[in-house]
Protein backbone atom coordinates (compact mmCIF):
# COMPACT_ATOMS: atom_id res chain seq x y z
CA UNK A 1 0.00 0.00 0.00
CA UNK A 2 1.39 3.38 -0.97
CA UNK A 3 0.12 6.70 0.28
CA UNK A 4 0.90 9.99 -1.40
CA UNK A 5 0.34 13.08 0.73
CA UNK A 6 0.19 16.47 -0.96
CA UNK A 7 -1.27 19.92 -0.65
CA UNK A 8 1.06 21.48 1.87
CA UNK A 9 2.74 24.81 1.40
CA UNK A 10 3.39 28.23 2.82
CA UNK A 11 0.27 30.08 3.87
CA UNK A 12 -0.48 33.14 5.94
CA UNK A 13 -2.25 32.86 9.25
CA UNK A 14 -6.00 32.83 8.75
CA UNK A 15 -5.78 31.04 5.45
CA UNK A 16 -6.90 27.55 4.51
CA UNK A 17 -5.38 24.45 3.01
CA UNK A 18 -6.71 21.16 1.81
CA UNK A 19 -4.31 18.27 2.14
CA UNK A 20 -4.75 15.12 0.09
CA UNK A 21 -3.77 11.54 0.79
CA UNK A 22 -4.02 9.36 -2.28
CA UNK A 23 -3.94 5.61 -1.74
CA UNK A 24 -2.66 3.04 -4.21
CA UNK A 25 -5.55 0.72 -3.37
CA UNK A 26 -9.26 1.15 -2.91
CA UNK A 27 -9.92 2.97 0.34
CA UNK A 28 -12.73 0.49 0.96
CA UNK A 29 -9.93 -1.99 1.63
CA UNK A 30 -8.43 0.32 4.23
CA UNK A 31 -9.98 0.02 7.67
CA UNK A 32 -8.98 3.49 8.76
CA UNK A 33 -7.06 6.44 7.31
CA UNK A 34 -5.58 8.94 9.68
CA UNK A 35 -3.93 12.33 9.45
CA UNK A 36 -1.14 13.11 11.87
CA UNK A 37 0.94 16.20 12.46
CA UNK A 38 4.51 16.57 13.58
CA UNK A 39 5.41 20.07 14.61
CA UNK A 40 9.08 21.08 14.74
CA UNK A 41 10.73 19.56 17.76
CA UNK A 42 7.59 17.74 18.85
CA UNK A 43 6.21 14.26 18.66
CA UNK A 44 3.81 13.23 15.98
CA UNK A 45 0.20 13.67 17.06
CA UNK A 46 -3.08 12.43 15.74
CA UNK A 47 -5.31 14.96 14.02
CA UNK A 48 -8.24 12.95 12.65
CA UNK A 49 -9.26 9.55 11.34
CA UNK A 50 -11.93 8.21 9.03
CA UNK A 51 -12.95 4.60 8.69
CA UNK A 52 -14.09 2.77 5.58
CA UNK A 53 -17.53 2.87 7.12
CA UNK A 54 -17.39 6.63 7.32
CA UNK A 55 -16.88 7.03 11.06
CA UNK A 56 -14.88 10.17 11.80
CA UNK A 57 -12.92 11.04 14.88
CA UNK A 58 -10.90 14.12 15.72
CA UNK A 59 -8.36 14.80 18.39
CA UNK A 60 -10.05 16.94 21.02
CA UNK A 61 -8.14 20.06 20.07
CA UNK A 62 -8.75 19.62 16.36
CA UNK A 63 -12.52 19.55 16.10
CA UNK A 64 -13.16 23.16 15.25
CA UNK A 65 -10.85 23.95 12.33
CA UNK A 66 -10.08 20.55 10.83
CA UNK A 67 -12.33 18.49 8.56
CA UNK A 68 -11.48 15.04 7.29
CA UNK A 69 -13.31 13.65 4.29
CA UNK A 70 -12.84 11.16 1.49
CA UNK A 71 -13.50 10.65 -2.19
CA UNK A 72 -14.10 6.97 -2.79
CA UNK A 73 -13.78 7.27 -6.55
CA UNK A 74 -10.33 8.83 -6.24
CA UNK A 75 -9.19 6.65 -3.33
CA UNK A 76 -8.25 9.87 -1.60
CA UNK A 77 -8.74 11.20 1.91
CA UNK A 78 -8.61 14.93 2.51
CA UNK A 79 -7.86 17.14 5.46
CA UNK A 80 -9.26 20.64 5.26
CA UNK A 81 -7.65 23.09 7.64
CA UNK A 82 -9.26 26.49 8.12
CA UNK A 83 -8.18 29.58 10.02
CA UNK A 84 -4.61 28.38 10.00
CA UNK A 85 -2.39 29.41 12.88
CA UNK A 86 1.40 29.46 13.13
CA UNK A 87 1.18 26.56 15.57
CA UNK A 88 -0.32 24.45 12.78
CA UNK A 89 3.10 24.45 11.16
CA UNK A 90 4.51 20.99 10.72
CA UNK A 91 4.71 17.95 8.54
CA UNK A 92 1.36 16.30 8.00
CA UNK A 93 1.37 12.57 7.47
CA UNK A 94 -1.40 10.23 6.48
CA UNK A 95 -1.47 6.59 7.41
CA UNK A 96 -3.58 3.60 6.57
CA UNK A 97 -4.65 0.79 8.85
CA UNK A 98 -5.16 -2.52 7.06
CA UNK A 99 -6.92 -5.35 8.84
CA UNK A 100 -5.49 -8.80 8.30
CA UNK A 101 -6.30 -12.28 9.45
CA UNK A 102 -7.15 -12.81 13.10
CA UNK A 103 -7.73 -9.07 13.49
CA UNK A 104 -4.07 -8.28 12.86
CA UNK A 105 -3.38 -4.70 11.81
CA UNK A 106 -0.70 -3.32 9.53
CA UNK A 107 0.02 0.38 9.23
CA UNK A 108 1.37 2.18 6.21
CA UNK A 109 2.60 5.77 6.16
CA UNK A 110 2.86 8.35 3.46
CA UNK A 111 5.88 10.59 3.09
CA UNK A 112 4.32 13.68 4.64
CA UNK A 113 3.55 17.14 3.33
CA UNK A 114 4.95 20.28 4.92
CA UNK A 115 2.63 23.03 6.08
CA UNK A 116 4.19 26.33 7.08
CA UNK A 117 1.98 29.07 8.49
CA UNK A 118 3.42 32.55 8.67
CA UNK A 119 2.17 35.13 11.16
């Protein structure tokens, strides 16, 4: 499974970005796709996830400005970020959780896309 994250860039505070995570397989075969953020000097943190059944979860601090969605036809999961703040700066990664036999889980990661928010 390959994941291609894109859509990052340099944006001014208050702006918006839509990040894309394109999967090499049908997202119906992916149990869960997640977006994660790694700010400079910090650990990677979960932003949001979406399951193949459409269940969405956000980290508590990410519910107001972040929206995760998917396009089944394009095998792509999106992360819309509004009202960007400098503290949103970081590398955004997507990952895919694949269920195997006996409920085993395998995780695949994309390469990340850099978001830089200027004040």
